[in-house]
PDB file of N, CA and C in Angstrom:
ATOM      1  N   MET A   1     -23.591  16.626   5.355  1.00  0.00           N
ATOM      2  CA  MET A   1     -23.608  15.780   6.538  1.00  0.00           C
ATOM      3  C   MET A   1     -22.949  14.449   6.199  1.00  0.00           C
ATOM      4  N   THR A   2     -22.149  13.963   7.097  1.00  0.00           N
ATOM      5  CA  THR A   2     -21.510  12.659   6.947  1.00  0.00           C
ATOM      6  C   THR A   2     -22.375  11.612   7.626  1.00  0.00           C
ATOM      7  N   ARG A   3     -22.602  10.521   6.944  1.00  0.00           N
ATOM      8  CA  ARG A   3     -23.384   9.399   7.483  1.00  0.00           C
ATOM      9  C   ARG A   3     -22.509   8.155   7.497  1.00  0.00           C
ATOM     10  N   VAL A   4     -22.797   7.288   8.434  1.00  0.00           N
ATOM     11  CA  VAL A   4     -22.089   6.015   8.520  1.00  0.00           C
ATOM     12  C   VAL A   4     -23.136   4.920   8.686  1.00  0.00           C
ATOM     13  N   PHE A   5     -23.060   3.914   7.822  1.00  0.00           N
ATOM     14  CA  PHE A   5     -23.938   2.751   7.894  1.00  0.00           C
ATOM     15  C   PHE A   5     -23.087   1.571   8.357  1.00  0.00           C
ATOM     16  N   VAL A   6     -23.550   0.875   9.397  1.00  0.00           N
ATOM     17  CA  VAL A   6     -22.834  -0.289   9.926  1.00  0.00           C
ATOM     18  C   VAL A   6     -23.815  -1.450  10.039  1.00  0.00           C
ATOM     19  N   ARG A   7     -23.351  -2.648   9.632  1.00  0.00           N
ATOM     20  CA  ARG A   7     -24.140  -3.865   9.821  1.00  0.00           C
ATOM     21  C   ARG A   7     -23.213  -4.966  10.297  1.00  0.00           C
ATOM     22  N   HIS A   8     -23.642  -5.664  11.339  1.00  0.00           N
ATOM     23  CA  HIS A   8     -22.889  -6.818  11.816  1.00  0.00           C
ATOM     24  C   HIS A   8     -23.783  -7.709  12.667  1.00  0.00           C
ATOM     25  N   LYS A   9     -23.351  -8.957  12.823  1.00  0.00           N
ATOM     26  CA  LYS A   9     -24.076  -9.904  13.672  1.00  0.00           C
ATOM     27  C   LYS A   9     -23.461  -9.894  15.068  1.00  0.00           C
ATOM     28  N   VAL A  10     -24.322 -10.070  16.068  1.00  0.00           N
ATOM     29  CA  VAL A  10     -23.886 -10.105  17.460  1.00  0.00           C
ATOM     30  C   VAL A  10     -24.378 -11.392  18.114  1.00  0.00           C
ATOM     31  N   LYS A  11     -23.722 -11.796  19.192  1.00  0.00           N
ATOM     32  CA  LYS A  11     -24.129 -13.014  19.907  1.00  0.00           C
ATOM     33  C   LYS A  11     -25.468 -12.817  20.595  1.00  0.00           C
ATOM     34  N   ASN A  12     -25.636 -11.644  21.232  1.00  0.00           N
ATOM     35  CA  ASN A  12     -26.838 -11.376  22.020  1.00  0.00           C
ATOM     36  C   ASN A  12     -27.126  -9.886  21.955  1.00  0.00           C
ATOM     37  N   TYR A  13     -28.282  -9.526  21.361  1.00  0.00           N
ATOM     38  CA  TYR A  13     -28.594  -8.110  21.171  1.00  0.00           C
ATOM     39  C   TYR A  13     -28.593  -7.336  22.483  1.00  0.00           C
ATOM     40  N   ALA A  14     -29.183  -7.873  23.542  1.00  0.00           N
ATOM     41  CA  ALA A  14     -29.277  -7.140  24.809  1.00  0.00           C
ATOM     42  C   ALA A  14     -27.883  -6.801  25.347  1.00  0.00           C
ATOM     43  N   ARG A  15     -26.977  -7.753  25.297  1.00  0.00           N
ATOM     44  CA  ARG A  15     -25.607  -7.495  25.758  1.00  0.00           C
ATOM     45  C   ARG A  15     -24.927  -6.486  24.851  1.00  0.00           C
ATOM     46  N   TRP A  16     -25.092  -6.642  23.540  1.00  0.00           N
ATOM     47  CA  TRP A  16     -24.498  -5.698  22.601  1.00  0.00           C
ATOM     48  C   TRP A  16     -25.001  -4.280  22.882  1.00  0.00           C
ATOM     49  N   ARG A  17     -26.309  -4.148  23.098  1.00  0.00           N
ATOM     50  CA  ARG A  17     -26.879  -2.808  23.309  1.00  0.00           C
ATOM     51  C   ARG A  17     -26.357  -2.178  24.593  1.00  0.00           C
ATOM     52  N   GLU A  18     -26.164  -2.991  25.615  1.00  0.00           N
ATOM     53  CA  GLU A  18     -25.615  -2.481  26.876  1.00  0.00           C
ATOM     54  C   GLU A  18     -24.233  -1.854  26.652  1.00  0.00           C
ATOM     55  N   VAL A  19     -23.369  -2.560  25.942  1.00  0.00           N
ATOM     56  CA  VAL A  19     -22.030  -2.037  25.667  1.00  0.00           C
ATOM     57  C   VAL A  19     -22.111  -0.837  24.729  1.00  0.00           C
ATOM     58  N   PHE A  20     -22.931  -0.929  23.691  1.00  0.00           N
ATOM     59  CA  PHE A  20     -23.102   0.183  22.749  1.00  0.00           C
ATOM     60  C   PHE A  20     -23.520   1.452  23.485  1.00  0.00           C
ATOM     61  N   ASP A  21     -24.503   1.343  24.364  1.00  0.00           N
ATOM     62  CA  ASP A  21     -24.978   2.514  25.105  1.00  0.00           C
ATOM     63  C   ASP A  21     -23.914   3.056  26.051  1.00  0.00           C
ATOM     64  N   SER A  22     -23.120   2.183  26.656  1.00  0.00           N
ATOM     65  CA  SER A  22     -22.079   2.641  27.585  1.00  0.00           C
ATOM     66  C   SER A  22     -20.938   3.340  26.850  1.00  0.00           C
ATOM     67  N   TYR A  23     -20.846   3.165  25.560  1.00  0.00           N
ATOM     68  CA  TYR A  23     -19.776   3.744  24.738  1.00  0.00           C
ATOM     69  C   TYR A  23     -20.180   5.084  24.112  1.00  0.00           C
ATOM     70  N   ARG A  24     -21.331   5.595  24.474  1.00  0.00           N
ATOM     71  CA  ARG A  24     -21.864   6.813  23.846  1.00  0.00           C
ATOM     72  C   ARG A  24     -20.945   8.024  23.981  1.00  0.00           C
ATOM     73  N   LYS A  25     -20.393   8.251  25.161  1.00  0.00           N
ATOM     74  CA  LYS A  25     -19.512   9.413  25.356  1.00  0.00           C
ATOM     75  C   LYS A  25     -18.283   9.329  24.458  1.00  0.00           C
ATOM     76  N   VAL A  26     -17.762   8.139  24.282  1.00  0.00           N
ATOM     77  CA  VAL A  26     -16.594   7.946  23.415  1.00  0.00           C
ATOM     78  C   VAL A  26     -16.970   8.239  21.961  1.00  0.00           C
ATOM     79  N   ARG A  27     -18.133   7.745  21.543  1.00  0.00           N
ATOM     80  CA  ARG A  27     -18.579   8.026  20.169  1.00  0.00           C
ATOM     81  C   ARG A  27     -18.774   9.519  19.960  1.00  0.00           C
ATOM     82  N   ARG A  28     -19.399  10.184  20.918  1.00  0.00           N
ATOM     83  CA  ARG A  28     -19.625  11.638  20.817  1.00  0.00           C
ATOM     84  C   ARG A  28     -18.306  12.392  20.712  1.00  0.00           C
ATOM     85  N   ALA A  29     -17.342  12.009  21.540  1.00  0.00           N
ATOM     86  CA  ALA A  29     -16.027  12.659  21.496  1.00  0.00           C
ATOM     87  C   ALA A  29     -15.341  12.429  20.155  1.00  0.00           C
ATOM     88  N   GLY A  30     -15.664  11.314  19.492  1.00  0.00           N
ATOM     89  CA  GLY A  30     -15.089  11.004  18.186  1.00  0.00           C
ATOM     90  C   GLY A  30     -15.795  11.661  17.021  1.00  0.00           C
ATOM     91  N   GLY A  31     -16.914  12.354  17.287  1.00  0.00           N
ATOM     92  CA  GLY A  31     -17.603  13.080  16.227  1.00  0.00           C
ATOM     93  C   GLY A  31     -19.025  12.650  15.931  1.00  0.00           C
ATOM     94  N   GLU A  32     -19.541  11.662  16.658  1.00  0.00           N
ATOM     95  CA  GLU A  32     -20.924  11.238  16.419  1.00  0.00           C
ATOM     96  C   GLU A  32     -21.898  12.363  16.761  1.00  0.00           C
ATOM     97  N   LYS A  33     -22.874  12.561  15.907  1.00  0.00           N
ATOM     98  CA  LYS A  33     -23.923  13.558  16.146  1.00  0.00           C
ATOM     99  C   LYS A  33     -25.240  12.898  16.530  1.00  0.00           C
ATOM    100  N   SER A  34     -25.563  11.773  15.906  1.00  0.00           N
ATOM    101  CA  SER A  34     -26.796  11.048  16.224  1.00  0.00           C
ATOM    102  C   SER A  34     -26.691   9.637  15.661  1.00  0.00           C
ATOM    103  N   PHE A  35     -27.649   8.787  16.055  1.00  0.00           N
ATOM    104  CA  PHE A  35     -27.662   7.420  15.551  1.00  0.00           C
ATOM    105  C   PHE A  35     -29.065   6.851  15.625  1.00  0.00           C
ATOM    106  N   LYS A  36     -29.293   5.819  14.832  1.00  0.00           N
ATOM    107  CA  LYS A  36     -30.511   5.003  14.873  1.00  0.00           C
ATOM    108  C   LYS A  36     -30.062   3.553  14.802  1.00  0.00           C
ATOM    109  N   VAL A  37     -30.653   2.716  15.648  1.00  0.00           N
ATOM    110  CA  VAL A  37     -30.314   1.296  15.680  1.00  0.00           C
ATOM    111  C   VAL A  37     -31.531   0.497  15.243  1.00  0.00           C
ATOM    112  N   GLY A  38     -31.301  -0.524  14.454  1.00  0.00           N
ATOM    113  CA  GLY A  38     -32.354  -1.446  14.048  1.00  0.00           C
ATOM    114  C   GLY A  38     -31.745  -2.810  13.823  1.00  0.00           C
ATOM    115  N   ASN A  39     -32.515  -3.681  13.206  1.00  0.00           N
ATOM    116  CA  ASN A  39     -32.006  -4.999  12.864  1.00  0.00           C
ATOM    117  C   ASN A  39     -32.633  -5.443  11.546  1.00  0.00           C
ATOM    118  N   ILE A  40     -31.985  -6.410  10.937  1.00  0.00           N
ATOM    119  CA  ILE A  40     -32.535  -7.002   9.729  1.00  0.00           C
ATOM    120  C   ILE A  40     -33.838  -7.701  10.134  1.00  0.00           C
ATOM    121  N   ALA A  41     -34.910  -7.449   9.420  1.00  0.00           N
ATOM    122  CA  ALA A  41     -36.221  -7.996   9.763  1.00  0.00           C
ATOM    123  C   ALA A  41     -36.143  -9.504   9.988  1.00  0.00           C
ATOM    124  N   GLY A  42     -36.634  -9.926  11.145  1.00  0.00           N
ATOM    125  CA  GLY A  42     -36.652 -11.339  11.481  1.00  0.00           C
ATOM    126  C   GLY A  42     -35.346 -11.882  12.029  1.00  0.00           C
ATOM    127  N   SER A  43     -34.356 -11.028  12.181  1.00  0.00           N
ATOM    128  CA  SER A  43     -33.034 -11.457  12.649  1.00  0.00           C
ATOM    129  C   SER A  43     -32.531 -10.467  13.709  1.00  0.00           C
ATOM    130  N   PRO A  44     -32.991 -10.589  14.955  1.00  0.00           N
ATOM    131  CA  PRO A  44     -32.684  -9.588  15.982  1.00  0.00           C
ATOM    132  C   PRO A  44     -31.210  -9.424  16.305  1.00  0.00           C
ATOM    133  N   ASN A  45     -30.381 -10.420  16.029  1.00  0.00           N
ATOM    134  CA  ASN A  45     -28.955 -10.303  16.304  1.00  0.00           C
ATOM    135  C   ASN A  45     -28.145  -9.862  15.091  1.00  0.00           C
ATOM    136  N   ASN A  46     -28.829  -9.438  14.039  1.00  0.00           N
ATOM    137  CA  ASN A  46     -28.197  -8.896  12.846  1.00  0.00           C
ATOM    138  C   ASN A  46     -28.467  -7.386  12.870  1.00  0.00           C
ATOM    139  N   VAL A  47     -27.554  -6.664  13.483  1.00  0.00           N
ATOM    140  CA  VAL A  47     -27.751  -5.261  13.860  1.00  0.00           C
ATOM    141  C   VAL A  47     -27.355  -4.315  12.722  1.00  0.00           C
ATOM    142  N   VAL A  48     -28.153  -3.263  12.573  1.00  0.00           N
ATOM    143  CA  VAL A  48     -27.893  -2.196  11.606  1.00  0.00           C
ATOM    144  C   VAL A  48     -27.908  -0.873  12.367  1.00  0.00           C
ATOM    145  N   ILE A  49     -26.899  -0.029  12.113  1.00  0.00           N
ATOM    146  CA  ILE A  49     -26.827   1.279  12.765  1.00  0.00           C
ATOM    147  C   ILE A  49     -26.587   2.328  11.691  1.00  0.00           C
ATOM    148  N   LEU A  50     -27.328   3.423  11.764  1.00  0.00           N
ATOM    149  CA  LEU A  50     -27.106   4.558  10.883  1.00  0.00           C
ATOM    150  C   LEU A  50     -26.729   5.740  11.763  1.00  0.00           C
ATOM    151  N   PHE A  51     -25.500   6.231  11.571  1.00  0.00           N
ATOM    152  CA  PHE A  51     -24.989   7.357  12.339  1.00  0.00           C
ATOM    153  C   PHE A  51     -24.962   8.620  11.495  1.00  0.00           C
ATOM    154  N   SER A  52     -25.042   9.769  12.152  1.00  0.00           N
ATOM    155  CA  SER A  52     -24.627  11.050  11.581  1.00  0.00           C
ATOM    156  C   SER A  52     -23.322  11.393  12.281  1.00  0.00           C
ATOM    157  N   TRP A  53     -22.327  11.822  11.509  1.00  0.00           N
ATOM    158  CA  TRP A  53     -21.001  12.106  12.049  1.00  0.00           C
ATOM    159  C   TRP A  53     -20.592  13.510  11.631  1.00  0.00           C
ATOM    160  N   ASP A  54     -19.660  14.122  12.348  1.00  0.00           N
ATOM    161  CA  ASP A  54     -19.294  15.505  12.047  1.00  0.00           C
ATOM    162  C   ASP A  54     -18.402  15.654  10.822  1.00  0.00           C
ATOM    163  N   SER A  55     -17.639  14.616  10.467  1.00  0.00           N
ATOM    164  CA  SER A  55     -16.798  14.690   9.269  1.00  0.00           C
ATOM    165  C   SER A  55     -16.391  13.289   8.832  1.00  0.00           C
ATOM    166  N   VAL A  56     -16.041  13.173   7.573  1.00  0.00           N
ATOM    167  CA  VAL A  56     -15.557  11.903   7.041  1.00  0.00           C
ATOM    168  C   VAL A  56     -14.267  11.503   7.753  1.00  0.00           C
ATOM    169  N   ALA A  57     -13.358  12.455   7.934  1.00  0.00           N
ATOM    170  CA  ALA A  57     -12.066  12.152   8.569  1.00  0.00           C
ATOM    171  C   ALA A  57     -12.256  11.609   9.987  1.00  0.00           C
ATOM    172  N   ASN A  58     -13.125  12.230  10.765  1.00  0.00           N
ATOM    173  CA  ASN A  58     -13.354  11.757  12.134  1.00  0.00           C
ATOM    174  C   ASN A  58     -14.045  10.400  12.152  1.00  0.00           C
ATOM    175  N   ALA A  59     -14.962  10.176  11.239  1.00  0.00           N
ATOM    176  CA  ALA A  59     -15.635   8.874  11.170  1.00  0.00           C
ATOM    177  C   ALA A  59     -14.630   7.778  10.831  1.00  0.00           C
ATOM    178  N   LYS A  60     -13.781   8.017   9.849  1.00  0.00           N
ATOM    179  CA  LYS A  60     -12.775   7.026   9.472  1.00  0.00           C
ATOM    180  C   LYS A  60     -11.850   6.725  10.642  1.00  0.00           C
ATOM    181  N   ALA A  61     -11.406   7.750  11.325  1.00  0.00           N
ATOM    182  CA  ALA A  61     -10.500   7.553  12.467  1.00  0.00           C
ATOM    183  C   ALA A  61     -11.187   6.746  13.564  1.00  0.00           C
ATOM    184  N   PHE A  62     -12.430   7.075  13.860  1.00  0.00           N
ATOM    185  CA  PHE A  62     -13.149   6.371  14.922  1.00  0.00           C
ATOM    186  C   PHE A  62     -13.335   4.894  14.584  1.00  0.00           C
ATOM    187  N   PHE A  63     -13.784   4.611  13.374  1.00  0.00           N
ATOM    188  CA  PHE A  63     -14.089   3.233  13.011  1.00  0.00           C
ATOM    189  C   PHE A  63     -12.842   2.386  12.764  1.00  0.00           C
ATOM    190  N   ARG A  64     -11.677   2.992  12.730  1.00  0.00           N
ATOM    191  CA  ARG A  64     -10.415   2.256  12.626  1.00  0.00           C
ATOM    192  C   ARG A  64      -9.734   2.069  13.981  1.00  0.00           C
ATOM    193  N   SER A  65     -10.290   2.652  15.028  1.00  0.00           N
ATOM    194  CA  SER A  65      -9.598   2.685  16.321  1.00  0.00           C
ATOM    195  C   SER A  65      -9.528   1.320  17.007  1.00  0.00           C
ATOM    196  N   LYS A  66      -8.434   1.104  17.713  1.00  0.00           N
ATOM    197  CA  LYS A  66      -8.247  -0.118  18.497  1.00  0.00           C
ATOM    198  C   LYS A  66      -9.258  -0.181  19.639  1.00  0.00           C
ATOM    199  N   GLU A  67      -9.599   0.971  20.199  1.00  0.00           N
ATOM    200  CA  GLU A  67     -10.568   1.021  21.297  1.00  0.00           C
ATOM    201  C   GLU A  67     -11.931   0.513  20.840  1.00  0.00           C
ATOM    202  N   LEU A  68     -12.330   0.894  19.649  1.00  0.00           N
ATOM    203  CA  LEU A  68     -13.614   0.415  19.130  1.00  0.00           C
ATOM    204  C   LEU A  68     -13.570  -1.101  18.921  1.00  0.00           C
ATOM    205  N   LYS A  69     -12.489  -1.602  18.389  1.00  0.00           N
ATOM    206  CA  LYS A  69     -12.372  -3.053  18.184  1.00  0.00           C
ATOM    207  C   LYS A  69     -12.489  -3.796  19.518  1.00  0.00           C
ATOM    208  N   ALA A  70     -11.889  -3.261  20.576  1.00  0.00           N
ATOM    209  CA  ALA A  70     -11.984  -3.883  21.901  1.00  0.00           C
ATOM    210  C   ALA A  70     -13.415  -3.845  22.416  1.00  0.00           C
ATOM    211  N   ALA A  71     -14.097  -2.712  22.234  1.00  0.00           N
ATOM    212  CA  ALA A  71     -15.489  -2.590  22.680  1.00  0.00           C
ATOM    213  C   ALA A  71     -16.388  -3.558  21.905  1.00  0.00           C
ATOM    214  N   MET A  72     -16.133  -3.719  20.618  1.00  0.00           N
ATOM    215  CA  MET A  72     -16.937  -4.645  19.822  1.00  0.00           C
ATOM    216  C   MET A  72     -16.741  -6.083  20.287  1.00  0.00           C
ATOM    217  N   ALA A  73     -15.525  -6.440  20.644  1.00  0.00           N
ATOM    218  CA  ALA A  73     -15.274  -7.783  21.170  1.00  0.00           C
ATOM    219  C   ALA A  73     -16.024  -7.972  22.485  1.00  0.00           C
ATOM    220  N   GLU A  74     -15.984  -6.965  23.344  1.00  0.00           N
ATOM    221  CA  GLU A  74     -16.708  -7.023  24.621  1.00  0.00           C
ATOM    222  C   GLU A  74     -18.212  -7.159  24.400  1.00  0.00           C
ATOM    223  N   ALA A  75     -18.714  -6.514  23.351  1.00  0.00           N
ATOM    224  CA  ALA A  75     -20.147  -6.517  23.062  1.00  0.00           C
ATOM    225  C   ALA A  75     -20.621  -7.796  22.382  1.00  0.00           C
ATOM    226  N   GLY A  76     -19.697  -8.644  21.956  1.00  0.00           N
ATOM    227  CA  GLY A  76     -20.091  -9.902  21.325  1.00  0.00           C
ATOM    228  C   GLY A  76     -20.337  -9.808  19.834  1.00  0.00           C
ATOM    229  N   VAL A  77     -19.665  -8.867  19.167  1.00  0.00           N
ATOM    230  CA  VAL A  77     -19.779  -8.795  17.705  1.00  0.00           C
ATOM    231  C   VAL A  77     -19.113 -10.036  17.136  1.00  0.00           C
ATOM    232  N   ARG A  78     -19.848 -10.759  16.266  1.00  0.00           N
ATOM    233  CA  ARG A  78     -19.416 -12.071  15.782  1.00  0.00           C
ATOM    234  C   ARG A  78     -18.724 -12.066  14.428  1.00  0.00           C
ATOM    235  N   GLU A  79     -18.686 -10.945  13.757  1.00  0.00           N
ATOM    236  CA  GLU A  79     -18.081 -10.898  12.432  1.00  0.00           C
ATOM    237  C   GLU A  79     -17.543  -9.510  12.172  1.00  0.00           C
ATOM    238  N   LYS A  80     -16.686  -9.409  11.175  1.00  0.00           N
ATOM    239  CA  LYS A  80     -16.184  -8.099  10.781  1.00  0.00           C
ATOM    240  C   LYS A  80     -17.375  -7.268  10.290  1.00  0.00           C
ATOM    241  N   PRO A  81     -17.553  -6.087  10.842  1.00  0.00           N
ATOM    242  CA  PRO A  81     -18.710  -5.285  10.425  1.00  0.00           C
ATOM    243  C   PRO A  81     -18.545  -4.721   9.012  1.00  0.00           C
ATOM    244  N   GLU A  82     -19.681  -4.542   8.372  1.00  0.00           N
ATOM    245  CA  GLU A  82     -19.718  -3.780   7.120  1.00  0.00           C
ATOM    246  C   GLU A  82     -19.862  -2.327   7.537  1.00  0.00           C
ATOM    247  N   VAL A  83     -18.953  -1.468   7.100  1.00  0.00           N
ATOM    248  CA  VAL A  83     -18.988  -0.044   7.444  1.00  0.00           C
ATOM    249  C   VAL A  83     -18.901   0.746   6.146  1.00  0.00           C
ATOM    250  N   TYR A  84     -19.891   1.610   5.938  1.00  0.00           N
ATOM    251  CA  TYR A  84     -19.915   2.475   4.766  1.00  0.00           C
ATOM    252  C   TYR A  84     -20.035   3.913   5.242  1.00  0.00           C
ATOM    253  N   ILE A  85     -19.100   4.754   4.820  1.00  0.00           N
ATOM    254  CA  ILE A  85     -19.110   6.172   5.171  1.00  0.00           C
ATOM    255  C   ILE A  85     -19.481   6.938   3.917  1.00  0.00           C
ATOM    256  N   PHE A  86     -20.493   7.793   4.029  1.00  0.00           N
ATOM    257  CA  PHE A  86     -20.927   8.557   2.856  1.00  0.00           C
ATOM    258  C   PHE A  86     -21.387   9.944   3.257  1.00  0.00           C
ATOM    259  N   GLU A  87     -21.487  10.807   2.272  1.00  0.00           N
ATOM    260  CA  GLU A  87     -21.911  12.183   2.496  1.00  0.00           C
ATOM    261  C   GLU A  87     -23.243  12.433   1.792  1.00  0.00           C
ATOM    262  N   ASP A  88     -24.116  13.168   2.455  1.00  0.00           N
ATOM    263  CA  ASP A  88     -25.395  13.552   1.846  1.00  0.00           C
ATOM    264  C   ASP A  88     -25.119  14.481   0.668  1.00  0.00           C
ATOM    265  N   LYS A  89     -25.909  14.333  -0.356  1.00  0.00           N
ATOM    266  CA  LYS A  89     -25.800  15.202  -1.548  1.00  0.00           C
ATOM    267  C   LYS A  89     -27.073  15.997  -1.700  1.00  0.00           C
TER     268      LYS A  89
END
C-alpha cells in the first residue's frame, strides 16, 4: 500500500476543510483510496493528512499537479507543504 503524509499550515482550518472536501472527487480520480485529517496538538491551523494511495507513481503525479497547487492557494495554505510518499513494508 502506498501512503502519503502531508503537513502544512493554513490560514483558517474551516475554510481549508471546505476546499479539501470539495476536492475529493479529483483526489479519488488521481488514485486516493482513503485519508485521515488531524492537526498538530494545540495548533488547529497546522494540518496533518495521512492518505492511502493506489500507487507511488499516481501519488507523485497528483502532488506535483498545477491543479492541486491552485486548490491549495484557494484553501489558504500558507507554506510549502511537507509531502512524504512511502510504501508499507
